Amino acid sequence: MADNLSNNSSPSGTGDSPPPTGMGSPPAPPIATITLCLGSSCFSRGNSRNLEVVKDLAKSLPAPVELGGHLCEGYCKSGPNVTINGKLYHQMDPHAMVALLNHFLPKL
């Protein structure tokens, strides 16, 4: 007796084909990693606005930006605090944020 197999058979016998391989390209690596302090002091003193600045600017970039947030790390007196590519920056207002991002991110 022979097994009845068709081209649409899968090892599970459900008829589902395995997912295609080799299609598409992997996502581009982030061009910068930006982390904002979202603790109550930094957030209320400007990181709520800085977050919007980063999100708006990231929409126009040719590659992704890794954007994250964290809770207080104890630098409240010098906030709002933002970390870009591992370096901590203090007293960031939206104007300073734009200037810093223009330094780190590619020109369009």
N, C-alpha and C. Protein backbone atom coordinates (compact mmCIF):
# COMPACT_ATOMS: atom_id res chain seq x y z
N MET A 1 0.84 -1.17 0.00
CA MET A 1 0.00 0.00 0.00
C MET A 1 0.89 1.24 0.00
N ALA A 2 0.58 2.22 -0.84
CA ALA A 2 1.38 3.43 -0.97
C ALA A 2 0.71 4.57 -0.22
N ASP A 3 1.54 5.49 0.31
CA ASP A 3 1.01 6.70 0.95
C ASP A 3 0.50 7.64 -0.13
N ASN A 4 -0.60 8.30 0.14
CA ASN A 4 -1.15 9.26 -0.80
C ASN A 4 -0.68 10.65 -0.39
N LEU A 5 0.36 11.19 -1.02
CA LEU A 5 0.93 12.51 -0.70
C LEU A 5 0.73 13.42 -1.90
N SER A 6 0.36 14.65 -1.62
CA SER A 6 0.27 15.65 -2.69
C SER A 6 1.31 16.73 -2.42
N ASN A 7 1.46 17.65 -3.35
CA ASN A 7 2.41 18.75 -3.19
C ASN A 7 2.03 19.67 -2.05
N ASN A 8 0.77 19.67 -1.61
CA ASN A 8 0.32 20.56 -0.55
C ASN A 8 0.38 19.92 0.82
N SER A 9 0.89 18.71 0.91
CA SER A 9 0.93 18.03 2.21
C SER A 9 2.07 18.55 3.05
N SER A 10 1.85 18.55 4.33
CA SER A 10 2.89 18.92 5.27
C SER A 10 3.12 17.74 6.19
N PRO A 11 4.23 17.72 6.94
CA PRO A 11 4.48 16.61 7.84
C PRO A 11 3.35 16.42 8.86
N SER A 12 2.66 17.48 9.21
CA SER A 12 1.60 17.35 10.21
C SER A 12 0.33 16.80 9.60
N GLY A 13 0.25 16.77 8.26
CA GLY A 13 -0.92 16.24 7.61
C GLY A 13 -2.07 17.22 7.53
N THR A 14 -1.85 18.47 7.88
CA THR A 14 -2.93 19.45 7.88
C THR A 14 -3.09 20.12 6.53
N GLY A 15 -2.14 19.94 5.63
CA GLY A 15 -2.20 20.58 4.33
C GLY A 15 -1.58 21.97 4.33
N ASP A 16 -1.16 22.46 5.49
CA ASP A 16 -0.51 23.77 5.55
C ASP A 16 0.91 23.65 5.04
N SER A 17 1.29 24.60 4.23
CA SER A 17 2.66 24.61 3.72
C SER A 17 3.56 25.26 4.75
N PRO A 18 4.81 24.86 4.79
CA PRO A 18 5.75 25.55 5.70
C PRO A 18 5.94 26.97 5.22
N PRO A 19 6.31 27.89 6.13
CA PRO A 19 6.50 29.28 5.73
C PRO A 19 7.63 29.40 4.73
N PRO A 20 7.51 30.32 3.77
CA PRO A 20 8.59 30.50 2.79
C PRO A 20 9.85 31.02 3.47
N THR A 21 10.96 30.66 2.92
CA THR A 21 12.23 31.12 3.48
C THR A 21 12.93 32.00 2.46
N GLY A 22 13.80 32.86 2.96
CA GLY A 22 14.60 33.70 2.10
C GLY A 22 13.84 34.87 1.49
N MET A 23 12.65 35.15 1.97
CA MET A 23 11.89 36.27 1.40
C MET A 23 12.09 37.51 2.24
N GLY A 24 12.21 38.63 1.59
CA GLY A 24 12.37 39.89 2.30
C GLY A 24 13.79 40.05 2.82
N SER A 25 14.05 41.20 3.36
CA SER A 25 15.37 41.45 3.92
C SER A 25 15.21 41.71 5.41
N PRO A 26 16.26 41.47 6.17
CA PRO A 26 16.17 41.71 7.61
C PRO A 26 15.99 43.21 7.87
N PRO A 27 15.38 43.55 9.00
CA PRO A 27 15.20 44.98 9.30
C PRO A 27 16.54 45.68 9.44
N ALA A 28 16.55 46.94 9.05
CA ALA A 28 17.77 47.74 9.15
C ALA A 28 18.11 47.96 10.62
N PRO A 29 19.39 47.95 10.97
CA PRO A 29 19.76 48.22 12.36
C PRO A 29 19.45 49.68 12.70
N PRO A 30 19.16 49.95 13.97
CA PRO A 30 18.86 51.34 14.34
C PRO A 30 20.08 52.23 14.15
N ILE A 31 19.80 53.48 13.74
CA ILE A 31 20.90 54.43 13.55
C ILE A 31 21.28 55.11 14.85
N ALA A 32 20.42 55.00 15.85
CA ALA A 32 20.71 55.55 17.18
C ALA A 32 19.78 54.88 18.18
N THR A 33 20.24 54.80 19.41
CA THR A 33 19.42 54.31 20.51
C THR A 33 19.19 55.48 21.45
N ILE A 34 17.93 55.84 21.63
CA ILE A 34 17.56 56.99 22.45
C ILE A 34 16.65 56.50 23.56
N THR A 35 17.03 56.81 24.81
CA THR A 35 16.24 56.41 25.97
C THR A 35 15.95 57.64 26.81
N LEU A 36 14.68 57.87 27.07
CA LEU A 36 14.27 59.02 27.87
C LEU A 36 13.85 58.57 29.26
N CYS A 37 14.20 59.37 30.25
CA CYS A 37 13.73 59.12 31.60
C CYS A 37 12.24 59.49 31.63
N LEU A 38 11.42 58.56 32.06
CA LEU A 38 9.99 58.79 32.14
C LEU A 38 9.52 58.89 33.59
N GLY A 39 10.47 59.09 34.51
CA GLY A 39 10.11 59.35 35.90
C GLY A 39 9.31 60.63 35.98
N SER A 40 8.55 60.80 37.05
CA SER A 40 7.62 61.94 37.13
C SER A 40 8.32 63.29 37.02
N SER A 41 9.50 63.44 37.60
CA SER A 41 10.20 64.72 37.55
C SER A 41 10.65 65.03 36.12
N CYS A 42 11.38 64.12 35.51
CA CYS A 42 11.87 64.36 34.14
C CYS A 42 10.73 64.49 33.15
N PHE A 43 9.71 63.67 33.31
CA PHE A 43 8.60 63.71 32.36
C PHE A 43 7.87 65.04 32.44
N SER A 44 7.61 65.51 33.66
CA SER A 44 6.87 66.77 33.80
C SER A 44 7.75 67.99 33.49
N ARG A 45 9.06 67.85 33.61
CA ARG A 45 9.96 68.97 33.35
C ARG A 45 10.40 69.07 31.89
N GLY A 46 9.92 68.16 31.04
CA GLY A 46 10.24 68.33 29.63
C GLY A 46 10.35 67.08 28.78
N ASN A 47 10.52 65.92 29.38
CA ASN A 47 10.66 64.73 28.56
C ASN A 47 9.36 64.34 27.87
N SER A 48 8.24 64.85 28.34
CA SER A 48 6.99 64.60 27.59
C SER A 48 7.09 65.29 26.23
N ARG A 49 7.62 66.51 26.21
CA ARG A 49 7.81 67.23 24.94
C ARG A 49 8.97 66.64 24.14
N ASN A 50 10.05 66.26 24.82
CA ASN A 50 11.19 65.66 24.13
C ASN A 50 10.80 64.36 23.43
N LEU A 51 9.92 63.60 24.03
CA LEU A 51 9.45 62.36 23.43
C LEU A 51 8.76 62.66 22.10
N GLU A 52 7.93 63.69 22.07
CA GLU A 52 7.24 64.07 20.83
C GLU A 52 8.23 64.54 19.77
N VAL A 53 9.26 65.28 20.19
CA VAL A 53 10.29 65.75 19.25
C VAL A 53 10.97 64.56 18.59
N VAL A 54 11.36 63.57 19.40
CA VAL A 54 12.06 62.40 18.87
C VAL A 54 11.14 61.62 17.94
N LYS A 55 9.91 61.41 18.34
CA LYS A 55 8.97 60.66 17.50
C LYS A 55 8.73 61.36 16.16
N ASP A 56 8.57 62.67 16.19
CA ASP A 56 8.34 63.41 14.94
C ASP A 56 9.55 63.35 14.02
N LEU A 57 10.74 63.53 14.58
CA LEU A 57 11.95 63.50 13.78
C LEU A 57 12.20 62.10 13.22
N ALA A 58 11.94 61.07 14.00
CA ALA A 58 12.19 59.69 13.58
C ALA A 58 11.36 59.30 12.36
N LYS A 59 10.20 59.90 12.20
CA LYS A 59 9.33 59.58 11.06
C LYS A 59 9.99 59.93 9.73
N SER A 60 10.88 60.89 9.72
CA SER A 60 11.47 61.35 8.47
C SER A 60 12.86 60.77 8.21
N LEU A 61 13.30 59.85 9.04
CA LEU A 61 14.65 59.29 8.89
C LEU A 61 14.66 58.09 7.96
N PRO A 62 15.76 57.85 7.27
CA PRO A 62 15.84 56.72 6.34
C PRO A 62 16.02 55.36 7.02
N ALA A 63 16.34 55.35 8.29
CA ALA A 63 16.52 54.10 9.02
C ALA A 63 15.89 54.27 10.41
N PRO A 64 15.59 53.15 11.06
CA PRO A 64 14.90 53.25 12.35
C PRO A 64 15.78 53.79 13.48
N VAL A 65 15.11 54.36 14.45
CA VAL A 65 15.73 54.78 15.70
C VAL A 65 15.14 53.91 16.79
N GLU A 66 15.99 53.37 17.64
CA GLU A 66 15.50 52.58 18.77
C GLU A 66 15.15 53.55 19.89
N LEU A 67 13.89 53.62 20.22
CA LEU A 67 13.40 54.56 21.22
C LEU A 67 12.89 53.80 22.43
N GLY A 68 13.35 54.19 23.60
CA GLY A 68 12.92 53.52 24.82
C GLY A 68 12.76 54.50 25.96
N GLY A 69 12.28 54.00 27.04
CA GLY A 69 12.11 54.80 28.23
C GLY A 69 12.45 53.99 29.46
N HIS A 70 12.70 54.68 30.55
CA HIS A 70 12.98 54.00 31.82
C HIS A 70 12.46 54.88 32.95
N LEU A 71 12.33 54.29 34.08
CA LEU A 71 11.93 55.05 35.25
C LEU A 71 13.14 55.74 35.86
N CYS A 72 12.92 56.48 36.90
CA CYS A 72 13.94 57.32 37.51
C CYS A 72 15.22 56.54 37.81
N GLU A 73 16.35 57.18 37.49
CA GLU A 73 17.65 56.61 37.81
C GLU A 73 18.42 57.48 38.79
N GLY A 74 17.72 58.45 39.40
CA GLY A 74 18.32 59.22 40.48
C GLY A 74 18.99 60.53 40.10
N TYR A 75 18.80 61.00 38.89
CA TYR A 75 19.41 62.26 38.46
C TYR A 75 18.35 63.35 38.31
N CYS A 76 17.36 63.32 39.15
CA CYS A 76 16.19 64.22 39.03
C CYS A 76 16.57 65.69 39.01
N LYS A 77 17.51 66.09 39.85
CA LYS A 77 17.87 67.51 39.93
C LYS A 77 18.48 68.04 38.65
N SER A 78 19.03 67.17 37.83
CA SER A 78 19.67 67.62 36.59
C SER A 78 18.83 67.28 35.36
N GLY A 79 17.60 66.87 35.55
CA GLY A 79 16.73 66.48 34.44
C GLY A 79 16.11 67.66 33.74
N PRO A 80 15.43 67.38 32.66
CA PRO A 80 15.12 66.08 32.06
C PRO A 80 16.38 65.40 31.50
N ASN A 81 16.44 64.09 31.69
CA ASN A 81 17.60 63.30 31.30
C ASN A 81 17.28 62.42 30.10
N VAL A 82 18.22 62.36 29.16
CA VAL A 82 18.07 61.57 27.95
C VAL A 82 19.41 60.86 27.71
N THR A 83 19.33 59.60 27.32
CA THR A 83 20.53 58.84 26.97
C THR A 83 20.50 58.58 25.47
N ILE A 84 21.59 58.93 24.78
CA ILE A 84 21.72 58.67 23.36
C ILE A 84 22.98 57.86 23.15
N ASN A 85 22.80 56.69 22.56
CA ASN A 85 23.92 55.77 22.29
C ASN A 85 24.78 55.55 23.53
N GLY A 86 24.12 55.41 24.67
CA GLY A 86 24.82 55.08 25.91
C GLY A 86 25.35 56.26 26.71
N LYS A 87 25.26 57.47 26.19
CA LYS A 87 25.76 58.64 26.91
C LYS A 87 24.59 59.44 27.47
N LEU A 88 24.68 59.78 28.75
CA LEU A 88 23.61 60.49 29.45
C LEU A 88 23.76 61.99 29.27
N TYR A 89 22.66 62.65 28.92
CA TYR A 89 22.61 64.11 28.76
C TYR A 89 21.58 64.67 29.73
N HIS A 90 21.91 65.80 30.34
CA HIS A 90 21.06 66.41 31.35
C HIS A 90 20.45 67.71 30.83
N GLN A 91 19.41 68.16 31.53
CA GLN A 91 18.75 69.44 31.26
C GLN A 91 18.35 69.58 29.79
N MET A 92 17.72 68.55 29.27
CA MET A 92 17.34 68.52 27.87
C MET A 92 15.96 69.17 27.67
N ASP A 93 15.94 70.28 26.95
CA ASP A 93 14.67 70.87 26.55
C ASP A 93 14.50 70.56 25.05
N PRO A 94 13.34 70.84 24.46
CA PRO A 94 13.15 70.49 23.05
C PRO A 94 14.19 71.09 22.10
N HIS A 95 14.65 72.32 22.36
CA HIS A 95 15.66 72.94 21.49
C HIS A 95 16.99 72.19 21.60
N ALA A 96 17.40 71.86 22.81
CA ALA A 96 18.64 71.09 22.99
C ALA A 96 18.50 69.69 22.40
N MET A 97 17.30 69.13 22.49
CA MET A 97 17.04 67.80 21.96
C MET A 97 17.21 67.80 20.43
N VAL A 98 16.65 68.79 19.76
CA VAL A 98 16.78 68.88 18.30
C VAL A 98 18.25 69.05 17.92
N ALA A 99 18.97 69.90 18.62
CA ALA A 99 20.39 70.12 18.32
C ALA A 99 21.19 68.83 18.49
N LEU A 100 20.92 68.11 19.56
CA LEU A 100 21.63 66.87 19.81
C LEU A 100 21.28 65.81 18.78
N LEU A 101 20.02 65.70 18.43
CA LEU A 101 19.61 64.73 17.43
C LEU A 101 20.22 65.06 16.05
N ASN A 102 20.29 66.35 15.73
CA ASN A 102 20.92 66.74 14.46
C ASN A 102 22.40 66.35 14.43
N HIS A 103 23.02 66.33 15.59
CA HIS A 103 24.42 65.91 15.67
C HIS A 103 24.55 64.39 15.45
N PHE A 104 23.65 63.61 16.03
CA PHE A 104 23.76 62.15 16.00
C PHE A 104 23.11 61.49 14.80
N LEU A 105 22.08 62.10 14.25
CA LEU A 105 21.33 61.46 13.18
C LEU A 105 21.75 62.00 11.83
N PRO A 106 21.65 61.17 10.79
CA PRO A 106 22.10 61.61 9.47
C PRO A 106 21.26 62.76 8.94
N LYS A 107 21.89 63.59 8.16
CA LYS A 107 21.20 64.70 7.51
C LYS A 107 20.34 64.13 6.37
N LEU A 108 19.19 64.71 6.19
CA LEU A 108 18.31 64.25 5.11
C LEU A 108 18.53 65.08 3.86
